[in-house]
Each structure stands twice: as structure tokens, then as C-alpha cells.
Amino acid sequence: MMRPLTTAACLALSIAAAPAAAQEGNVENGRLLAYTCQGCHGVEGYKNAYPNYHVPKIGGQSEQYLVNALSDYKRGSRKHPTMQVQSQGFSDQDIADLAAYLSNLK
């Protein structure tokens, strides 16, 4: 009798411990959200005046990379003052939407 109860308890714990499923991004909403990104990331050879920092092209990057980077900026574990401020306004769904859109750019 104890075995089914133990199995059920283990199954319940494994489901609770499973990582949350990645959110599916909405490309159209991502396109709208990415409008402000173009000011820096859409300009060929753009560099910040201070500090002197090359601004990378983000179009065509891996979707998971973009989600990770924006999430890290939002948490503060990835440092860049402008990106940290920008990311604070994004929900997890916004980040998924941006990543879905940007990863499909050429």
C-alpha cells in the first residue's frame, strides 16, 4: 500500500521541481516592442559616446540567447546601464516576444 503513495509523492515533487516552460513569443508584438531597439542596435558601426562601447547587431541572434541576455539585464546580473534600464520595463512575455521577432531578422 505504501508503494503507490511513495510513487505519487515522487511524481508530484518531480513535476513541482521541473523548470517552467519557456514562453512562446509573439513575433508581431515583438516587432512593435523592438522599435526603440533600432535606435542603437539597428545602426551600422554605432558606438556609445561614453563609455566607448560597440553596440552589437541583435537581429538574427539565437532566440534563447536574446531571452537570456534580456533576462540577465533585467535581474542585474548582466551589466550595462542602458540595457538594465530598458529591460526593467519588459515583462517575461515581452522578452519572449522581442526574442521571437529579433531572432527571425536577417
PDB file of N, CA and C in Angstrom:
ATOM      1  N   MET A   1       0.816  -1.189   0.000  1.00  0.00           N
ATOM      2  CA  MET A   1       0.000   0.000   0.000  1.00  0.00           C
ATOM      3  C   MET A   1       0.863   1.257   0.000  1.00  0.00           C
ATOM      4  N   MET A   2       2.008   1.191   0.647  1.00  0.00           N
ATOM      5  CA  MET A   2       2.878   2.341   0.760  1.00  0.00           C
ATOM      6  C   MET A   2       3.538   2.692  -0.571  1.00  0.00           C
ATOM      7  N   ARG A   3       3.779   1.735  -1.401  1.00  0.00           N
ATOM      8  CA  ARG A   3       4.483   1.974  -2.657  1.00  0.00           C
ATOM      9  C   ARG A   3       3.732   2.938  -3.586  1.00  0.00           C
ATOM     10  N   PRO A   4       2.435   2.787  -3.856  1.00  0.00           N
ATOM     11  CA  PRO A   4       1.742   3.746  -4.732  1.00  0.00           C
ATOM     12  C   PRO A   4       1.774   5.162  -4.168  1.00  0.00           C
ATOM     13  N   LEU A   5       1.683   5.292  -2.846  1.00  0.00           N
ATOM     14  CA  LEU A   5       1.720   6.607  -2.227  1.00  0.00           C
ATOM     15  C   LEU A   5       3.100   7.244  -2.407  1.00  0.00           C
ATOM     16  N   THR A   6       4.153   6.460  -2.246  1.00  0.00           N
ATOM     17  CA  THR A   6       5.512   6.954  -2.432  1.00  0.00           C
ATOM     18  C   THR A   6       5.741   7.360  -3.874  1.00  0.00           C
ATOM     19  N   THR A   7       5.267   6.555  -4.809  1.00  0.00           N
ATOM     20  CA  THR A   7       5.403   6.863  -6.226  1.00  0.00           C
ATOM     21  C   THR A   7       4.671   8.157  -6.567  1.00  0.00           C
ATOM     22  N   ALA A   8       3.464   8.311  -6.041  1.00  0.00           N
ATOM     23  CA  ALA A   8       2.689   9.526  -6.302  1.00  0.00           C
ATOM     24  C   ALA A   8       3.381  10.748  -5.733  1.00  0.00           C
ATOM     25  N   ALA A   9       3.951  10.610  -4.539  1.00  0.00           N
ATOM     26  CA  ALA A   9       4.647  11.733  -3.909  1.00  0.00           C
ATOM     27  C   ALA A   9       5.888  12.112  -4.721  1.00  0.00           C
ATOM     28  N   CYS A  10       6.635  11.142  -5.190  1.00  0.00           N
ATOM     29  CA  CYS A  10       7.829  11.411  -6.009  1.00  0.00           C
ATOM     30  C   CYS A  10       7.441  12.082  -7.318  1.00  0.00           C
ATOM     31  N   LEU A  11       6.382  11.615  -7.926  1.00  0.00           N
ATOM     32  CA  LEU A  11       5.920  12.204  -9.174  1.00  0.00           C
ATOM     33  C   LEU A  11       5.496  13.655  -8.960  1.00  0.00           C
ATOM     34  N   ALA A  12       4.775  13.916  -7.887  1.00  0.00           N
ATOM     35  CA  ALA A  12       4.335  15.283  -7.587  1.00  0.00           C
ATOM     36  C   ALA A  12       5.535  16.186  -7.350  1.00  0.00           C
ATOM     37  N   LEU A  13       6.544  15.713  -6.646  1.00  0.00           N
ATOM     38  CA  LEU A  13       7.742  16.507  -6.401  1.00  0.00           C
ATOM     39  C   LEU A  13       8.521  16.769  -7.682  1.00  0.00           C
ATOM     40  N   SER A  14       8.601  15.787  -8.555  1.00  0.00           N
ATOM     41  CA  SER A  14       9.352  15.991  -9.798  1.00  0.00           C
ATOM     42  C   SER A  14       8.650  16.993 -10.706  1.00  0.00           C
ATOM     43  N   ILE A  15       7.338  17.005 -10.698  1.00  0.00           N
ATOM     44  CA  ILE A  15       6.598  17.977 -11.505  1.00  0.00           C
ATOM     45  C   ILE A  15       6.781  19.370 -10.930  1.00  0.00           C
ATOM     46  N   ALA A  16       6.733  19.492  -9.621  1.00  0.00           N
ATOM     47  CA  ALA A  16       6.903  20.799  -8.978  1.00  0.00           C
ATOM     48  C   ALA A  16       8.312  21.337  -9.175  1.00  0.00           C
ATOM     49  N   ALA A  17       9.294  20.451  -9.249  1.00  0.00           N
ATOM     50  CA  ALA A  17      10.688  20.879  -9.391  1.00  0.00           C
ATOM     51  C   ALA A  17      11.085  21.133 -10.841  1.00  0.00           C
ATOM     52  N   ALA A  18      10.247  20.742 -11.787  1.00  0.00           N
ATOM     53  CA  ALA A  18      10.577  20.932 -13.202  1.00  0.00           C
ATOM     54  C   ALA A  18      10.646  22.421 -13.525  1.00  0.00           C
ATOM     55  N   PRO A  19      11.612  22.817 -14.383  1.00  0.00           N
ATOM     56  CA  PRO A  19      11.697  24.231 -14.740  1.00  0.00           C
ATOM     57  C   PRO A  19      10.461  24.670 -15.508  1.00  0.00           C
ATOM     58  N   ALA A  20      10.142  25.936 -15.359  1.00  0.00           N
ATOM     59  CA  ALA A  20       8.982  26.481 -16.068  1.00  0.00           C
ATOM     60  C   ALA A  20       9.218  26.406 -17.568  1.00  0.00           C
ATOM     61  N   ALA A  21       8.176  26.110 -18.287  1.00  0.00           N
ATOM     62  CA  ALA A  21       8.284  26.044 -19.742  1.00  0.00           C
ATOM     63  C   ALA A  21       8.561  27.437 -20.302  1.00  0.00           C
ATOM     64  N   ALA A  22       9.391  27.481 -21.307  1.00  0.00           N
ATOM     65  CA  ALA A  22       9.694  28.765 -21.949  1.00  0.00           C
ATOM     66  C   ALA A  22       8.420  29.312 -22.582  1.00  0.00           C
ATOM     67  N   GLN A  23       8.259  30.618 -22.481  1.00  0.00           N
ATOM     68  CA  GLN A  23       7.089  31.239 -23.074  1.00  0.00           C
ATOM     69  C   GLN A  23       7.295  31.343 -24.574  1.00  0.00           C
ATOM     70  N   GLU A  24       6.231  31.114 -25.288  1.00  0.00           N
ATOM     71  CA  GLU A  24       6.274  31.261 -26.744  1.00  0.00           C
ATOM     72  C   GLU A  24       6.127  32.740 -27.073  1.00  0.00           C
ATOM     73  N   GLY A  25       7.012  33.227 -27.918  1.00  0.00           N
ATOM     74  CA  GLY A  25       7.000  34.639 -28.265  1.00  0.00           C
ATOM     75  C   GLY A  25       6.047  34.966 -29.394  1.00  0.00           C
ATOM     76  N   ASN A  26       5.460  36.141 -29.330  1.00  0.00           N
ATOM     77  CA  ASN A  26       4.578  36.665 -30.358  1.00  0.00           C
ATOM     78  C   ASN A  26       5.398  37.610 -31.229  1.00  0.00           C
ATOM     79  N   VAL A  27       5.669  37.199 -32.455  1.00  0.00           N
ATOM     80  CA  VAL A  27       6.545  37.948 -33.355  1.00  0.00           C
ATOM     81  C   VAL A  27       6.000  39.353 -33.629  1.00  0.00           C
ATOM     82  N   GLU A  28       4.704  39.485 -33.839  1.00  0.00           N
ATOM     83  CA  GLU A  28       4.130  40.799 -34.153  1.00  0.00           C
ATOM     84  C   GLU A  28       4.276  41.764 -32.975  1.00  0.00           C
ATOM     85  N   ASN A  29       4.002  41.300 -31.777  1.00  0.00           N
ATOM     86  CA  ASN A  29       4.197  42.159 -30.605  1.00  0.00           C
ATOM     87  C   ASN A  29       5.680  42.483 -30.430  1.00  0.00           C
ATOM     88  N   GLY A  30       6.536  41.517 -30.702  1.00  0.00           N
ATOM     89  CA  GLY A  30       7.983  41.748 -30.625  1.00  0.00           C
ATOM     90  C   GLY A  30       8.431  42.826 -31.599  1.00  0.00           C
ATOM     91  N   ARG A  31       7.831  42.852 -32.782  1.00  0.00           N
ATOM     92  CA  ARG A  31       8.166  43.875 -33.779  1.00  0.00           C
ATOM     93  C   ARG A  31       7.824  45.259 -33.234  1.00  0.00           C
ATOM     94  N   LEU A  32       6.689  45.376 -32.598  1.00  0.00           N
ATOM     95  CA  LEU A  32       6.286  46.660 -32.018  1.00  0.00           C
ATOM     96  C   LEU A  32       7.216  47.066 -30.865  1.00  0.00           C
ATOM     97  N   LEU A  33       7.558  46.116 -30.015  1.00  0.00           N
ATOM     98  CA  LEU A  33       8.429  46.405 -28.876  1.00  0.00           C
ATOM     99  C   LEU A  33       9.854  46.756 -29.305  1.00  0.00           C
ATOM    100  N   ALA A  34      10.294  46.199 -30.423  1.00  0.00           N
ATOM    101  CA  ALA A  34      11.677  46.390 -30.876  1.00  0.00           C
ATOM    102  C   ALA A  34      11.916  47.750 -31.512  1.00  0.00           C
ATOM    103  N   TYR A  35      10.888  48.547 -31.643  1.00  0.00           N
ATOM    104  CA  TYR A  35      11.026  49.858 -32.287  1.00  0.00           C
ATOM    105  C   TYR A  35      12.143  50.683 -31.643  1.00  0.00           C
ATOM    106  N   THR A  36      12.162  50.753 -30.330  1.00  0.00           N
ATOM    107  CA  THR A  36      13.195  51.557 -29.662  1.00  0.00           C
ATOM    108  C   THR A  36      14.583  50.915 -29.736  1.00  0.00           C
ATOM    109  N   CYS A  37      14.650  49.618 -29.945  1.00  0.00           N
ATOM    110  CA  CYS A  37      15.946  48.928 -30.050  1.00  0.00           C
ATOM    111  C   CYS A  37      16.722  49.400 -31.281  1.00  0.00           C
ATOM    112  N   GLN A  38      15.962  49.769 -32.321  1.00  0.00           N
ATOM    113  CA  GLN A  38      16.582  50.167 -33.590  1.00  0.00           C
ATOM    114  C   GLN A  38      17.484  51.391 -33.438  1.00  0.00           C
ATOM    115  N   GLY A  39      17.184  52.253 -32.472  1.00  0.00           N
ATOM    116  CA  GLY A  39      17.968  53.475 -32.283  1.00  0.00           C
ATOM    117  C   GLY A  39      19.445  53.212 -32.043  1.00  0.00           C
ATOM    118  N   CYS A  40      19.770  52.099 -31.433  1.00  0.00           N
ATOM    119  CA  CYS A  40      21.181  51.748 -31.194  1.00  0.00           C
ATOM    120  C   CYS A  40      21.589  50.497 -31.970  1.00  0.00           C
ATOM    121  N   HIS A  41      20.775  49.454 -31.853  1.00  0.00           N
ATOM    122  CA  HIS A  41      21.162  48.163 -32.426  1.00  0.00           C
ATOM    123  C   HIS A  41      20.945  48.067 -33.931  1.00  0.00           C
ATOM    124  N   GLY A  42      20.242  49.023 -34.506  1.00  0.00           N
ATOM    125  CA  GLY A  42      19.991  48.971 -35.935  1.00  0.00           C
ATOM    126  C   GLY A  42      20.910  49.845 -36.759  1.00  0.00           C
ATOM    127  N   VAL A  43      21.870  50.505 -36.101  1.00  0.00           N
ATOM    128  CA  VAL A  43      22.760  51.441 -36.789  1.00  0.00           C
ATOM    129  C   VAL A  43      24.130  50.784 -36.989  1.00  0.00           C
ATOM    130  N   GLU A  44      24.520  50.635 -38.229  1.00  0.00           N
ATOM    131  CA  GLU A  44      25.801  50.009 -38.570  1.00  0.00           C
ATOM    132  C   GLU A  44      26.964  50.776 -37.939  1.00  0.00           C
ATOM    133  N   GLY A  45      27.809  50.073 -37.191  1.00  0.00           N
ATOM    134  CA  GLY A  45      29.008  50.672 -36.617  1.00  0.00           C
ATOM    135  C   GLY A  45      28.766  51.625 -35.459  1.00  0.00           C
ATOM    136  N   TYR A  46      27.574  51.625 -34.880  1.00  0.00           N
ATOM    137  CA  TYR A  46      27.254  52.556 -33.793  1.00  0.00           C
ATOM    138  C   TYR A  46      28.071  52.230 -32.549  1.00  0.00           C
ATOM    139  N   LYS A  47      28.552  53.282 -31.875  1.00  0.00           N
ATOM    140  CA  LYS A  47      29.255  53.137 -30.597  1.00  0.00           C
ATOM    141  C   LYS A  47      28.712  54.181 -29.638  1.00  0.00           C
ATOM    142  N   ASN A  48      28.617  53.804 -28.377  1.00  0.00           N
ATOM    143  CA  ASN A  48      28.233  54.774 -27.352  1.00  0.00           C
ATOM    144  C   ASN A  48      29.329  55.818 -27.236  1.00  0.00           C
ATOM    145  N   ALA A  49      28.945  57.046 -26.907  1.00  0.00           N
ATOM    146  CA  ALA A  49      29.944  58.090 -26.679  1.00  0.00           C
ATOM    147  C   ALA A  49      30.691  57.820 -25.379  1.00  0.00           C
ATOM    148  N   TYR A  50      29.963  57.442 -24.330  1.00  0.00           N
ATOM    149  CA  TYR A  50      30.599  57.115 -23.060  1.00  0.00           C
ATOM    150  C   TYR A  50      29.755  56.072 -22.361  1.00  0.00           C
ATOM    151  N   PRO A  51      30.300  55.002 -21.906  1.00  0.00           N
ATOM    152  CA  PRO A  51      31.659  54.582 -22.248  1.00  0.00           C
ATOM    153  C   PRO A  51      31.703  54.130 -23.701  1.00  0.00           C
ATOM    154  N   ASN A  52      32.879  54.143 -24.267  1.00  0.00           N
ATOM    155  CA  ASN A  52      33.038  53.739 -25.654  1.00  0.00           C
ATOM    156  C   ASN A  52      32.764  52.238 -25.738  1.00  0.00           C
ATOM    157  N   TYR A  53      31.633  51.892 -26.255  1.00  0.00           N
ATOM    158  CA  TYR A  53      31.183  50.507 -26.278  1.00  0.00           C
ATOM    159  C   TYR A  53      30.528  50.221 -27.621  1.00  0.00           C
ATOM    160  N   HIS A  54      31.024  49.216 -28.306  1.00  0.00           N
ATOM    161  CA  HIS A  54      30.434  48.801 -29.579  1.00  0.00           C
ATOM    162  C   HIS A  54      29.047  48.228 -29.312  1.00  0.00           C
ATOM    163  N   VAL A  55      28.055  48.678 -30.039  1.00  0.00           N
ATOM    164  CA  VAL A  55      26.691  48.186 -29.879  1.00  0.00           C
ATOM    165  C   VAL A  55      26.475  47.049 -30.876  1.00  0.00           C
ATOM    166  N   PRO A  56      26.225  45.848 -30.382  1.00  0.00           N
ATOM    167  CA  PRO A  56      26.118  44.698 -31.289  1.00  0.00           C
ATOM    168  C   PRO A  56      24.810  44.680 -32.068  1.00  0.00           C
ATOM    169  N   LYS A  57      24.860  44.072 -33.239  1.00  0.00           N
ATOM    170  CA  LYS A  57      23.652  43.782 -34.013  1.00  0.00           C
ATOM    171  C   LYS A  57      22.950  42.633 -33.292  1.00  0.00           C
ATOM    172  N   ILE A  58      21.668  42.754 -33.097  1.00  0.00           N
ATOM    173  CA  ILE A  58      20.940  41.698 -32.390  1.00  0.00           C
ATOM    174  C   ILE A  58      19.996  40.933 -33.311  1.00  0.00           C
ATOM    175  N   GLY A  59      19.775  41.448 -34.498  1.00  0.00           N
ATOM    176  CA  GLY A  59      18.931  40.746 -35.462  1.00  0.00           C
ATOM    177  C   GLY A  59      19.581  39.445 -35.889  1.00  0.00           C
ATOM    178  N   GLY A  60      18.831  38.359 -35.813  1.00  0.00           N
ATOM    179  CA  GLY A  60      19.342  37.053 -36.221  1.00  0.00           C
ATOM    180  C   GLY A  60      20.047  36.285 -35.122  1.00  0.00           C
ATOM    181  N   GLN A  61      20.157  36.887 -33.940  1.00  0.00           N
ATOM    182  CA  GLN A  61      20.758  36.155 -32.813  1.00  0.00           C
ATOM    183  C   GLN A  61      19.823  35.011 -32.417  1.00  0.00           C
ATOM    184  N   SER A  62      20.357  34.055 -31.715  1.00  0.00           N
ATOM    185  CA  SER A  62      19.564  32.937 -31.211  1.00  0.00           C
ATOM    186  C   SER A  62      18.465  33.453 -30.275  1.00  0.00           C
ATOM    187  N   GLU A  63      17.287  32.910 -30.416  1.00  0.00           N
ATOM    188  CA  GLU A  63      16.163  33.317 -29.571  1.00  0.00           C
ATOM    189  C   GLU A  63      16.483  33.099 -28.091  1.00  0.00           C
ATOM    190  N   GLN A  64      17.083  31.958 -27.772  1.00  0.00           N
ATOM    191  CA  GLN A  64      17.406  31.666 -26.366  1.00  0.00           C
ATOM    192  C   GLN A  64      18.471  32.624 -25.846  1.00  0.00           C
ATOM    193  N   TYR A  65      19.446  32.973 -26.670  1.00  0.00           N
ATOM    194  CA  TYR A  65      20.461  33.937 -26.267  1.00  0.00           C
ATOM    195  C   TYR A  65      19.825  35.284 -25.917  1.00  0.00           C
ATOM    196  N   LEU A  66      18.900  35.736 -26.759  1.00  0.00           N
ATOM    197  CA  LEU A  66      18.238  37.020 -26.529  1.00  0.00           C
ATOM    198  C   LEU A  66      17.403  36.996 -25.251  1.00  0.00           C
ATOM    199  N   VAL A  67      16.682  35.911 -25.022  1.00  0.00           N
ATOM    200  CA  VAL A  67      15.896  35.778 -23.788  1.00  0.00           C
ATOM    201  C   VAL A  67      16.834  35.821 -22.585  1.00  0.00           C
ATOM    202  N   ASN A  68      17.913  35.057 -22.651  1.00  0.00           N
ATOM    203  CA  ASN A  68      18.857  35.024 -21.529  1.00  0.00           C
ATOM    204  C   ASN A  68      19.472  36.391 -21.277  1.00  0.00           C
ATOM    205  N   ALA A  69      19.907  37.062 -22.337  1.00  0.00           N
ATOM    206  CA  ALA A  69      20.563  38.362 -22.182  1.00  0.00           C
ATOM    207  C   ALA A  69      19.611  39.391 -21.584  1.00  0.00           C
ATOM    208  N   LEU A  70      18.409  39.504 -22.140  1.00  0.00           N
ATOM    209  CA  LEU A  70      17.453  40.484 -21.610  1.00  0.00           C
ATOM    210  C   LEU A  70      17.041  40.159 -20.180  1.00  0.00           C
ATOM    211  N   SER A  71      16.872  38.890 -19.881  1.00  0.00           N
ATOM    212  CA  SER A  71      16.513  38.489 -18.516  1.00  0.00           C
ATOM    213  C   SER A  71      17.642  38.804 -17.545  1.00  0.00           C
ATOM    214  N   ASP A  72      18.878  38.569 -17.973  1.00  0.00           N
ATOM    215  CA  ASP A  72      20.036  38.880 -17.122  1.00  0.00           C
ATOM    216  C   ASP A  72      20.167  40.380 -16.886  1.00  0.00           C
ATOM    217  N   TYR A  73      19.926  41.193 -17.914  1.00  0.00           N
ATOM    218  CA  TYR A  73      19.933  42.643 -17.727  1.00  0.00           C
ATOM    219  C   TYR A  73      18.844  43.049 -16.728  1.00  0.00           C
ATOM    220  N   LYS A  74      17.677  42.468 -16.878  1.00  0.00           N
ATOM    221  CA  LYS A  74      16.550  42.806 -16.006  1.00  0.00           C
ATOM    222  C   LYS A  74      16.864  42.450 -14.545  1.00  0.00           C
ATOM    223  N   ARG A  75      17.504  41.306 -14.319  1.00  0.00           N
ATOM    224  CA  ARG A  75      17.873  40.873 -12.971  1.00  0.00           C
ATOM    225  C   ARG A  75      19.071  41.641 -12.424  1.00  0.00           C
ATOM    226  N   GLY A  76      19.831  42.273 -13.323  1.00  0.00           N
ATOM    227  CA  GLY A  76      21.031  42.987 -12.901  1.00  0.00           C
ATOM    228  C   GLY A  76      22.279  42.132 -12.880  1.00  0.00           C
ATOM    229  N   SER A  77      22.186  40.880 -13.333  1.00  0.00           N
ATOM    230  CA  SER A  77      23.361  40.009 -13.345  1.00  0.00           C
ATOM    231  C   SER A  77      24.221  40.227 -14.589  1.00  0.00           C
ATOM    232  N   ARG A  78      23.705  40.953 -15.546  1.00  0.00           N
ATOM    233  CA  ARG A  78      24.473  41.362 -16.720  1.00  0.00           C
ATOM    234  C   ARG A  78      24.486  42.883 -16.698  1.00  0.00           C
ATOM    235  N   LYS A  79      25.667  43.462 -16.816  1.00  0.00           N
ATOM    236  CA  LYS A  79      25.822  44.892 -16.565  1.00  0.00           C
ATOM    237  C   LYS A  79      25.936  45.716 -17.843  1.00  0.00           C
ATOM    238  N   HIS A  80      25.055  46.646 -17.992  1.00  0.00           N
ATOM    239  CA  HIS A  80      25.132  47.737 -18.953  1.00  0.00           C
ATOM    240  C   HIS A  80      24.001  48.675 -18.564  1.00  0.00           C
ATOM    241  N   PRO A  81      24.330  49.891 -18.118  1.00  0.00           N
ATOM    242  CA  PRO A  81      23.301  50.775 -17.553  1.00  0.00           C
ATOM    243  C   PRO A  81      22.087  50.989 -18.459  1.00  0.00           C
ATOM    244  N   THR A  82      22.306  51.245 -19.732  1.00  0.00           N
ATOM    245  CA  THR A  82      21.183  51.497 -20.634  1.00  0.00           C
ATOM    246  C   THR A  82      20.317  50.259 -20.779  1.00  0.00           C
ATOM    247  N   MET A  83      20.942  49.111 -20.969  1.00  0.00           N
ATOM    248  CA  MET A  83      20.178  47.881 -21.162  1.00  0.00           C
ATOM    249  C   MET A  83      19.470  47.460 -19.877  1.00  0.00           C
ATOM    250  N   GLN A  84      20.073  47.721 -18.734  1.00  0.00           N
ATOM    251  CA  GLN A  84      19.404  47.391 -17.474  1.00  0.00           C
ATOM    252  C   GLN A  84      18.130  48.223 -17.324  1.00  0.00           C
ATOM    253  N   VAL A  85      18.208  49.497 -17.646  1.00  0.00           N
ATOM    254  CA  VAL A  85      17.029  50.365 -17.559  1.00  0.00           C
ATOM    255  C   VAL A  85      15.981  49.934 -18.585  1.00  0.00           C
ATOM    256  N   GLN A  86      16.405  49.698 -19.822  1.00  0.00           N
ATOM    257  CA  GLN A  86      15.466  49.283 -20.877  1.00  0.00           C
ATOM    258  C   GLN A  86      14.719  48.008 -20.473  1.00  0.00           C
ATOM    259  N   SER A  87      15.438  47.040 -19.957  1.00  0.00           N
ATOM    260  CA  SER A  87      14.842  45.731 -19.663  1.00  0.00           C
ATOM    261  C   SER A  87      13.867  45.772 -18.491  1.00  0.00           C
ATOM    262  N   GLN A  88      13.994  46.750 -17.613  1.00  0.00           N
ATOM    263  CA  GLN A  88      13.104  46.831 -16.458  1.00  0.00           C
ATOM    264  C   GLN A  88      11.638  46.989 -16.860  1.00  0.00           C
ATOM    265  N   GLY A  89      11.398  47.587 -18.005  1.00  0.00           N
ATOM    266  CA  GLY A  89      10.028  47.791 -18.464  1.00  0.00           C
ATOM    267  C   GLY A  89       9.424  46.595 -19.166  1.00  0.00           C
ATOM    268  N   PHE A  90      10.189  45.528 -19.357  1.00  0.00           N
ATOM    269  CA  PHE A  90       9.707  44.361 -20.086  1.00  0.00           C
ATOM    270  C   PHE A  90       9.214  43.269 -19.144  1.00  0.00           C
ATOM    271  N   SER A  91       8.064  42.727 -19.441  1.00  0.00           N
ATOM    272  CA  SER A  91       7.599  41.522 -18.742  1.00  0.00           C
ATOM    273  C   SER A  91       8.329  40.320 -19.349  1.00  0.00           C
ATOM    274  N   ASP A  92       8.166  39.156 -18.732  1.00  0.00           N
ATOM    275  CA  ASP A  92       8.759  37.942 -19.303  1.00  0.00           C
ATOM    276  C   ASP A  92       8.165  37.665 -20.689  1.00  0.00           C
ATOM    277  N   GLN A  93       6.885  37.964 -20.852  1.00  0.00           N
ATOM    278  CA  GLN A  93       6.254  37.765 -22.162  1.00  0.00           C
ATOM    279  C   GLN A  93       6.821  38.747 -23.182  1.00  0.00           C
ATOM    280  N   ASP A  94       7.050  39.991 -22.780  1.00  0.00           N
ATOM    281  CA  ASP A  94       7.661  40.974 -23.681  1.00  0.00           C
ATOM    282  C   ASP A  94       9.034  40.491 -24.143  1.00  0.00           C
ATOM    283  N   ILE A  95       9.804  39.949 -23.226  1.00  0.00           N
ATOM    284  CA  ILE A  95      11.147  39.447 -23.566  1.00  0.00           C
ATOM    285  C   ILE A  95      11.038  38.291 -24.560  1.00  0.00           C
ATOM    286  N   ALA A  96      10.098  37.396 -24.330  1.00  0.00           N
ATOM    287  CA  ALA A  96       9.888  36.279 -25.270  1.00  0.00           C
ATOM    288  C   ALA A  96       9.458  36.803 -26.638  1.00  0.00           C
ATOM    289  N   ASP A  97       8.603  37.827 -26.646  1.00  0.00           N
ATOM    290  CA  ASP A  97       8.138  38.408 -27.909  1.00  0.00           C
ATOM    291  C   ASP A  97       9.286  39.077 -28.662  1.00  0.00           C
ATOM    292  N   LEU A  98      10.097  39.852 -27.950  1.00  0.00           N
ATOM    293  CA  LEU A  98      11.250  40.507 -28.570  1.00  0.00           C
ATOM    294  C   LEU A  98      12.209  39.474 -29.151  1.00  0.00           C
ATOM    295  N   ALA A  99      12.489  38.439 -28.387  1.00  0.00           N
ATOM    296  CA  ALA A  99      13.414  37.401 -28.850  1.00  0.00           C
ATOM    297  C   ALA A  99      12.867  36.678 -30.073  1.00  0.00           C
ATOM    298  N   ALA A 100      11.577  36.424 -30.099  1.00  0.00           N
ATOM    299  CA  ALA A 100      10.963  35.752 -31.258  1.00  0.00           C
ATOM    300  C   ALA A 100      11.114  36.616 -32.501  1.00  0.00           C
ATOM    301  N   TYR A 101      10.863  37.909 -32.367  1.00  0.00           N
ATOM    302  CA  TYR A 101      10.969  38.809 -33.515  1.00  0.00           C
ATOM    303  C   TYR A 101      12.426  38.985 -33.957  1.00  0.00           C
ATOM    304  N   LEU A 102      13.285  39.349 -33.021  1.00  0.00           N
ATOM    305  CA  LEU A 102      14.679  39.662 -33.368  1.00  0.00           C
ATOM    306  C   LEU A 102      15.436  38.457 -33.925  1.00  0.00           C
ATOM    307  N   SER A 103      15.142  37.282 -33.419  1.00  0.00           N
ATOM    308  CA  SER A 103      15.851  36.080 -33.883  1.00  0.00           C
ATOM    309  C   SER A 103      15.506  35.742 -35.336  1.00  0.00           C
ATOM    310  N   ASN A 104      14.396  36.258 -35.825  1.00  0.00           N
ATOM    311  CA  ASN A 104      13.990  35.983 -37.211  1.00  0.00           C
ATOM    312  C   ASN A 104      14.466  37.025 -38.203  1.00  0.00           C
ATOM    313  N   LEU A 105      15.136  38.072 -37.722  1.00  0.00           N
ATOM    314  CA  LEU A 105      15.672  39.088 -38.635  1.00  0.00           C
ATOM    315  C   LEU A 105      16.940  38.590 -39.303  1.00  0.00           C
ATOM    316  N   LYS A 106      17.192  39.077 -40.482  1.00  0.00           N
ATOM    317  CA  LYS A 106      18.418  38.693 -41.210  1.00  0.00           C
ATOM    318  C   LYS A 106      19.458  39.770 -41.042  1.00  0.00           C
TER     319      LYS A 106
END
